[in-house]
Amino acid sequence: EKPTRSTELLKALVGALAPAQTPGEPFGQSLAHAQERPLLQHTAASLRGAILLVEDNPVNREIAAAMLEATACSVTVAENGRQAIARLADQAFDLILMDCQMPEMDGYEAVGLIRAAKGGTSALAAAASIPVIALTANALTGDRERCLEAGFNDYLAKPFGEAALQGMLRKWLPSPASAGGAASSPAADAPDAPHVTDAAHASDASQVLDAAPPPPPQPAAQAAAAVLDAATLDGLRTLAHKAAPGLFERLCQTYLSSTPGLFAQLRNAVEGGDMEGARQAAHTLKSSHANFGAFAMRDVCMSLEAAAKAGQTSAAITLMHRAEIEFSLALTAVSALNSRSTEPS
């Protein structure tokens, strides 16, 4: 027999020691994931601090909060910039994770108010040097520059996984000895030297979670299997299994309760020629559907958002016909998932 080649030997070792390789997954990726999991667990346990999560999308908020709760950090949530300012006025935080596009007051305006309070006597002055990380689904160069110029310290593109989030926490949170006192991190004293974290590798929603394999799920309903990406759903189940029991059911219910109203807003805005309202609704719906792996609906929303931003009313009206179809399919699919997940075992 020919001598065993090193690659073949390595494959044999991986097969014996590492979790089963996902069909179609490049060789070595399973081993990399196996090596990453203990590191993630170790990192999560060492991350401590008070975090303010500012996110208007209820599905995004649930997922990000669950990832944060998997660490040793405490999490407080706000749904828009106005609520965030109120929280900061009466509570100390070590780090702020803030969405950029929100109703009432967006992240750009909120971070501007936070930075402007530096050296003043207002209740917000103590928060003026807290590191603020921008969370946004846009990954264009101009958006990054706008975030940094507005006063954000760093940038994390959505969707992001646990590894990317924990890396950001590890970079900007104060040391465990000083956690719990806002602006106690040395990094917080250097807002003029921001670092941009490029999360383009997580641009596909199937990478929204970097986690261990979940327990075998119950077979999904046919409607869900045809419309929703299986890898994305498995990632949500994994996060629920690790950090937040009942999360998957809550996410389904949050989607079902929030997206019909948002879709009605989108329809009304397009029909009424309100392109800014249409852009905002499409942006939020895009993220909600990406989280469930409803990529067809995500893509329509992305096109609608671009058309509305460009003021292309006729294009937005045309795209709404596709959106009606894709939203109906996604809604049916998530309803099927919700029914299956709440069945008695």
Protein backbone atom coordinates (compact mmCIF):
# COMPACT_ATOMS: atom_id res chain seq x y z
CA GLU A 1 0.00 0.00 0.00
CA LYS A 2 1.04 3.59 -0.59
CA PRO A 3 2.12 5.56 2.46
CA THR A 4 -0.74 7.39 4.12
CA ARG A 5 -0.77 11.02 3.01
CA SER A 6 -0.82 13.69 5.70
CA THR A 7 -4.15 15.10 4.54
CA GLU A 8 -5.75 11.66 4.67
CA LEU A 9 -4.39 11.10 8.17
CA LEU A 10 -5.73 14.47 9.28
CA LYS A 11 -9.14 13.64 7.83
CA ALA A 12 -9.16 10.36 9.73
CA LEU A 13 -8.29 12.13 12.97
CA VAL A 14 -10.97 14.76 12.40
CA GLY A 15 -13.49 12.04 11.67
CA ALA A 16 -12.65 10.34 14.94
CA LEU A 17 -12.35 13.37 17.17
CA ALA A 18 -14.44 16.17 15.69
CA PRO A 19 -18.20 16.49 15.22
CA ALA A 20 -19.67 15.17 12.00
CA GLN A 21 -18.95 17.34 8.98
CA THR A 22 -21.92 19.16 7.53
CA PRO A 23 -22.66 18.02 3.95
CA GLY A 24 -21.05 20.48 1.56
CA GLU A 25 -18.93 22.06 4.29
CA PRO A 26 -15.28 22.50 3.21
CA PHE A 27 -12.90 20.10 4.88
CA GLY A 28 -11.31 21.63 7.96
CA GLN A 29 -14.26 23.91 8.73
CA SER A 30 -15.79 21.40 11.13
CA LEU A 31 -12.46 21.15 12.96
CA ALA A 32 -12.24 24.93 13.11
CA HIS A 33 -15.73 25.10 14.60
CA ALA A 34 -14.85 22.37 17.11
CA GLN A 35 -11.80 24.34 18.20
CA GLU A 36 -13.82 27.57 18.41
CA ARG A 37 -16.61 26.28 20.67
CA PRO A 38 -14.57 25.85 23.88
CA LEU A 39 -12.98 29.24 23.20
CA LEU A 40 -16.40 30.87 22.86
CA GLN A 41 -17.57 29.30 26.10
CA HIS A 42 -14.42 30.41 27.91
CA THR A 43 -14.65 33.92 26.49
CA ALA A 44 -18.33 34.27 27.35
CA ALA A 45 -17.73 33.40 31.00
CA SER A 46 -14.98 36.02 31.28
CA LEU A 47 -16.96 38.91 29.79
CA ARG A 48 -18.46 41.14 32.45
CA GLY A 49 -20.03 44.58 32.37
CA ALA A 50 -23.25 46.55 32.15
CA ILE A 51 -24.46 46.82 28.55
CA LEU A 52 -27.17 49.00 27.06
CA LEU A 53 -28.65 47.39 23.94
CA VAL A 54 -30.56 49.86 21.76
CA GLU A 55 -32.52 48.16 18.97
CA ASP A 56 -35.98 48.87 17.59
CA ASN A 57 -36.48 45.59 15.72
CA PRO A 58 -38.05 43.18 18.24
CA VAL A 59 -36.62 40.03 16.61
CA ASN A 60 -33.11 41.52 16.43
CA ARG A 61 -33.46 42.67 20.03
CA GLU A 62 -34.41 39.20 21.28
CA ILE A 63 -31.49 37.55 19.48
CA ALA A 64 -28.86 40.10 20.53
CA ALA A 65 -30.07 40.07 24.14
CA ALA A 66 -29.86 36.26 24.22
CA MET A 67 -26.28 36.36 22.91
CA LEU A 68 -25.36 38.92 25.55
CA GLU A 69 -27.09 36.97 28.31
CA ALA A 70 -24.94 33.98 27.37
CA THR A 71 -22.02 35.98 28.80
CA ALA A 72 -21.60 37.24 32.35
CA CYS A 73 -22.80 40.72 31.31
CA SER A 74 -25.96 42.41 32.51
CA VAL A 75 -28.21 43.71 29.73
CA THR A 76 -30.65 46.61 29.64
CA VAL A 77 -32.67 47.23 26.48
CA ALA A 78 -34.05 50.35 24.83
CA GLU A 79 -36.16 50.50 21.67
CA ASN A 80 -34.92 53.80 20.26
CA GLY A 81 -32.49 56.64 20.86
CA ARG A 82 -34.91 58.58 23.04
CA GLN A 83 -35.30 55.65 25.43
CA ALA A 84 -31.53 55.15 25.42
CA ILE A 85 -30.91 58.75 26.50
CA ALA A 86 -33.39 58.28 29.35
CA ARG A 87 -31.67 55.07 30.49
CA LEU A 88 -28.24 56.72 30.38
CA ALA A 89 -29.42 59.64 32.48
CA ASP A 90 -30.12 57.46 35.51
CA GLN A 91 -28.07 54.29 35.11
CA ALA A 92 -24.34 53.56 34.62
CA PHE A 93 -23.18 51.41 31.71
CA ASP A 94 -19.84 50.13 30.48
CA LEU A 95 -20.76 49.74 26.81
CA ILE A 96 -23.59 50.72 24.43
CA LEU A 97 -24.62 48.66 21.42
CA MET A 98 -26.83 50.90 19.29
CA ASP A 99 -28.74 50.39 16.06
CA CYS A 100 -28.33 53.27 13.63
CA GLN A 101 -31.78 53.43 12.04
CA MET A 102 -34.61 53.70 14.56
CA PRO A 103 -37.89 55.64 14.87
CA GLU A 104 -38.36 58.72 17.09
CA MET A 105 -34.59 59.19 17.50
CA ASP A 106 -32.05 57.27 15.46
CA GLY A 107 -28.60 56.17 16.58
CA TYR A 108 -26.79 59.02 14.87
CA GLU A 109 -28.75 61.67 16.74
CA ALA A 110 -28.52 59.77 20.02
CA VAL A 111 -24.76 59.30 19.90
CA GLY A 112 -24.39 62.96 18.98
CA LEU A 113 -26.30 63.98 22.11
CA ILE A 114 -24.20 61.61 24.22
CA ARG A 115 -20.90 63.01 22.96
CA ALA A 116 -22.12 66.62 23.21
CA ALA A 117 -22.77 66.15 26.94
CA LYS A 118 -19.05 65.69 27.67
CA GLY A 119 -17.80 68.22 30.19
CA GLY A 120 -21.29 69.47 30.93
CA THR A 121 -23.41 69.31 34.05
CA SER A 122 -26.40 67.39 32.70
CA ALA A 123 -27.34 63.93 33.89
CA LEU A 124 -26.00 62.62 30.58
CA ALA A 125 -22.48 63.97 31.16
CA ALA A 126 -21.33 60.84 32.97
CA ALA A 127 -22.20 58.78 29.88
CA ALA A 128 -20.36 61.00 27.39
CA SER A 129 -17.23 58.80 27.21
CA ILE A 130 -18.87 55.37 27.17
CA PRO A 131 -17.84 53.36 24.08
CA VAL A 132 -20.75 53.15 21.63
CA ILE A 133 -20.80 50.43 18.98
CA ALA A 134 -22.90 50.97 15.86
CA LEU A 135 -25.14 48.09 14.81
CA THR A 136 -26.46 48.37 11.28
CA ALA A 137 -27.53 46.13 8.42
CA ASN A 138 -25.84 48.44 5.93
CA ALA A 139 -22.22 47.59 5.13
CA LEU A 140 -21.34 50.32 2.65
CA THR A 141 -18.17 52.36 3.07
CA GLY A 142 -20.17 55.56 3.37
CA ASP A 143 -22.24 54.13 6.21
CA ARG A 144 -19.12 53.15 8.14
CA GLU A 145 -17.65 56.60 7.76
CA ARG A 146 -20.91 58.22 8.80
CA CYS A 147 -21.01 56.08 11.96
CA LEU A 148 -17.50 57.01 12.97
CA GLU A 149 -17.94 60.70 12.18
CA ALA A 150 -21.15 60.75 14.24
CA GLY A 151 -19.28 59.64 17.36
CA PHE A 152 -19.50 55.85 17.39
CA ASN A 153 -16.31 54.10 18.51
CA ASP A 154 -16.71 50.98 16.43
CA TYR A 155 -18.95 49.23 13.93
CA LEU A 156 -20.54 45.78 13.87
CA ALA A 157 -22.49 44.84 10.74
CA LYS A 158 -25.67 42.81 11.08
CA PRO A 159 -26.22 39.93 11.04
CA PHE A 160 -23.40 39.06 13.42
CA GLY A 161 -22.53 35.86 15.22
CA GLU A 162 -21.50 35.15 18.77
CA ALA A 163 -17.79 35.15 17.90
CA ALA A 164 -17.98 38.63 16.35
CA LEU A 165 -20.05 39.99 19.22
CA GLN A 166 -17.81 38.52 21.90
CA GLY A 167 -14.76 39.88 20.11
CA MET A 168 -16.30 43.35 20.23
CA LEU A 169 -17.14 42.98 23.93
CA ARG A 170 -13.65 41.74 24.72
CA LYS A 171 -12.17 44.75 22.93
CA TRP A 172 -14.29 47.50 24.47
CA LEU A 173 -15.44 46.31 27.90
CA PRO A 174 -13.35 47.34 30.89
CA SER A 175 -11.32 44.75 32.74
CA PRO A 176 -13.35 42.61 35.19
CA ALA A 177 -11.87 44.52 38.12
CA SER A 178 -13.36 47.80 36.92
CA ALA A 179 -16.58 46.58 35.25
CA GLY A 180 -19.79 48.21 36.37
CA GLY A 181 -18.55 51.81 36.29
CA ALA A 182 -19.42 53.62 33.09
CA ALA A 183 -16.51 54.99 31.06
CA SER A 184 -13.96 53.12 33.18
CA SER A 185 -12.38 51.44 30.16
CA PRO A 186 -9.15 52.95 28.80
CA ALA A 187 -10.60 52.41 25.32
CA ALA A 188 -13.48 54.69 26.19
CA ASP A 189 -11.08 57.59 26.60
CA ALA A 190 -10.03 57.37 22.96
CA PRO A 191 -13.16 57.96 20.88
CA ASP A 192 -11.07 59.84 18.30
CA ALA A 193 -9.26 56.64 17.29
CA PRO A 194 -12.08 54.33 16.24
CA HIS A 195 -11.55 50.92 14.79
CA VAL A 196 -13.92 49.57 12.18
CA THR A 197 -14.74 45.90 12.48
CA ASP A 198 -15.62 44.53 9.07
CA ALA A 199 -18.30 41.88 9.50
CA ALA A 200 -18.79 41.38 5.78
CA HIS A 201 -18.00 37.70 6.31
CA ALA A 202 -21.32 37.53 8.16
CA SER A 203 -23.32 39.22 5.41
CA ASP A 204 -25.32 36.08 4.77
CA ALA A 205 -28.06 35.56 7.34
CA SER A 206 -27.13 31.87 7.59
CA GLN A 207 -24.08 33.05 9.56
CA VAL A 208 -26.14 34.96 12.12
CA LEU A 209 -25.01 32.48 14.78
CA ASP A 210 -21.63 30.86 15.40
CA ALA A 211 -22.58 28.08 17.77
CA ALA A 212 -22.47 24.39 18.58
CA PRO A 213 -24.83 21.97 16.84
CA PRO A 214 -28.31 21.99 18.37
CA PRO A 215 -30.12 18.92 19.55
CA PRO A 216 -31.94 17.29 16.62
CA PRO A 217 -35.01 19.47 15.90
CA GLN A 218 -38.42 18.11 15.11
CA PRO A 219 -39.00 17.97 11.33
CA ALA A 220 -40.18 21.37 10.15
CA ALA A 221 -43.47 21.77 8.37
CA GLN A 222 -43.21 21.56 4.59
CA ALA A 223 -44.09 25.22 4.21
CA ALA A 224 -41.21 26.26 6.46
CA ALA A 225 -38.75 23.93 4.76
CA ALA A 226 -39.58 25.42 1.36
CA VAL A 227 -39.31 29.07 2.39
CA LEU A 228 -36.90 29.32 5.37
CA ASP A 229 -33.20 28.48 5.38
CA ALA A 230 -32.60 25.38 7.51
CA ALA A 231 -29.12 26.43 8.69
CA THR A 232 -30.45 29.74 9.98
CA LEU A 233 -33.25 28.01 11.89
CA ASP A 234 -30.78 25.51 13.35
CA GLY A 235 -28.67 28.42 14.56
CA LEU A 236 -31.64 29.96 16.35
CA ARG A 237 -32.46 26.64 17.99
CA THR A 238 -28.84 26.28 19.08
CA LEU A 239 -28.81 29.69 20.74
CA ALA A 240 -32.04 28.86 22.54
CA HIS A 241 -30.62 25.53 23.70
CA LYS A 242 -27.43 27.16 25.03
CA ALA A 243 -28.57 30.42 26.50
CA ALA A 244 -32.29 31.08 26.46
CA PRO A 245 -34.78 28.21 26.73
CA GLY A 246 -38.00 29.18 25.00
CA LEU A 247 -36.22 31.73 22.80
CA PHE A 248 -37.14 30.02 19.54
CA GLU A 249 -40.83 30.02 20.42
CA ARG A 250 -40.63 33.67 21.52
CA LEU A 251 -38.92 34.65 18.28
CA CYS A 252 -41.64 32.98 16.22
CA GLN A 253 -44.33 34.70 18.25
CA THR A 254 -42.53 38.06 18.08
CA TYR A 255 -42.27 37.77 14.31
CA LEU A 256 -45.94 36.84 13.99
CA SER A 257 -47.08 39.71 16.20
CA SER A 258 -44.81 42.44 14.78
CA THR A 259 -44.37 41.89 11.05
CA PRO A 260 -48.01 42.13 9.85
CA GLY A 261 -48.27 45.66 11.21
CA LEU A 262 -44.92 46.60 9.71
CA PHE A 263 -45.95 45.18 6.36
CA ALA A 264 -49.17 47.20 6.48
CA GLN A 265 -47.04 50.30 7.11
CA LEU A 266 -44.91 49.43 4.10
CA ARG A 267 -47.93 48.92 1.87
CA ASN A 268 -49.57 52.16 2.98
CA ALA A 269 -46.35 54.12 2.55
CA VAL A 270 -45.76 52.82 -0.98
CA GLU A 271 -49.37 53.38 -2.01
CA GLY A 272 -49.30 56.88 -0.53
CA GLY A 273 -45.99 57.82 -2.14
CA ASP A 274 -44.25 58.18 1.24
CA MET A 275 -40.82 56.92 0.19
CA GLU A 276 -39.12 57.68 3.50
CA GLY A 277 -41.77 55.74 5.40
CA ALA A 278 -41.44 52.91 2.88
CA ARG A 279 -37.67 52.89 3.28
CA GLN A 280 -37.88 52.63 7.05
CA ALA A 281 -40.47 49.83 6.98
CA ALA A 282 -38.57 47.88 4.31
CA HIS A 283 -35.35 48.23 6.31
CA THR A 284 -36.93 46.76 9.44
CA LEU A 285 -38.71 43.96 7.56
CA LYS A 286 -35.48 43.08 5.76
CA SER A 287 -33.74 42.36 9.05
CA SER A 288 -36.67 40.43 10.55
CA HIS A 289 -36.80 38.08 7.59
CA ALA A 290 -33.05 37.62 7.39
CA ASN A 291 -33.11 36.38 10.98
CA PHE A 292 -35.46 33.56 9.99
CA GLY A 293 -33.68 32.71 6.75
CA ALA A 294 -36.55 34.04 4.59
CA PHE A 295 -34.04 35.18 2.03
CA ALA A 296 -36.47 35.79 -0.82
CA MET A 297 -38.45 38.25 1.29
CA ARG A 298 -35.23 39.77 2.62
CA ASP A 299 -34.04 40.41 -0.93
CA VAL A 300 -37.33 42.02 -1.97
CA CYS A 301 -37.16 44.28 1.08
CA MET A 302 -33.58 45.19 0.23
CA SER A 303 -34.66 46.19 -3.29
CA LEU A 304 -37.64 48.10 -1.91
CA GLU A 305 -35.43 49.96 0.54
CA ALA A 306 -33.06 50.97 -2.27
CA ALA A 307 -35.90 52.05 -4.55
CA ALA A 308 -37.53 54.10 -1.80
CA LYS A 309 -34.22 55.72 -0.86
CA ALA A 310 -33.77 56.75 -4.51
CA GLY A 311 -37.32 58.09 -4.66
CA GLN A 312 -38.31 55.56 -7.34
CA THR A 313 -42.03 55.33 -6.61
CA SER A 314 -42.96 53.27 -9.69
CA ALA A 315 -40.25 50.72 -8.93
CA ALA A 316 -41.41 50.49 -5.32
CA ILE A 317 -45.00 49.85 -6.46
CA THR A 318 -43.82 47.06 -8.77
CA LEU A 319 -41.73 45.50 -6.01
CA MET A 320 -44.71 45.55 -3.64
CA HIS A 321 -46.43 42.91 -5.80
CA ARG A 322 -43.50 40.55 -5.15
CA ALA A 323 -43.39 41.56 -1.50
CA GLU A 324 -47.06 40.62 -1.02
CA ILE A 325 -46.37 37.11 -2.30
CA GLU A 326 -43.12 36.56 -0.41
CA PHE A 327 -44.47 37.95 2.85
CA SER A 328 -47.49 35.66 2.67
CA LEU A 329 -45.20 32.66 2.17
CA ALA A 330 -42.88 33.69 5.02
CA LEU A 331 -45.78 34.37 7.38
CA THR A 332 -47.27 30.94 6.63
CA ALA A 333 -43.90 29.27 7.13
CA VAL A 334 -43.19 30.90 10.51
CA SER A 335 -46.77 30.15 11.61
CA ALA A 336 -46.12 26.49 10.82
CA LEU A 337 -42.89 26.59 12.82
CA ASN A 338 -44.65 28.21 15.75
CA SER A 339 -47.41 25.61 15.71
CA ARG A 340 -44.88 22.79 15.60
CA SER A 341 -42.68 24.25 18.37
CA THR A 342 -45.62 24.69 20.73
CA GLU A 343 -47.06 21.21 20.24
CA PRO A 344 -47.02 19.06 23.40
CA SER A 345 -44.11 16.63 23.36
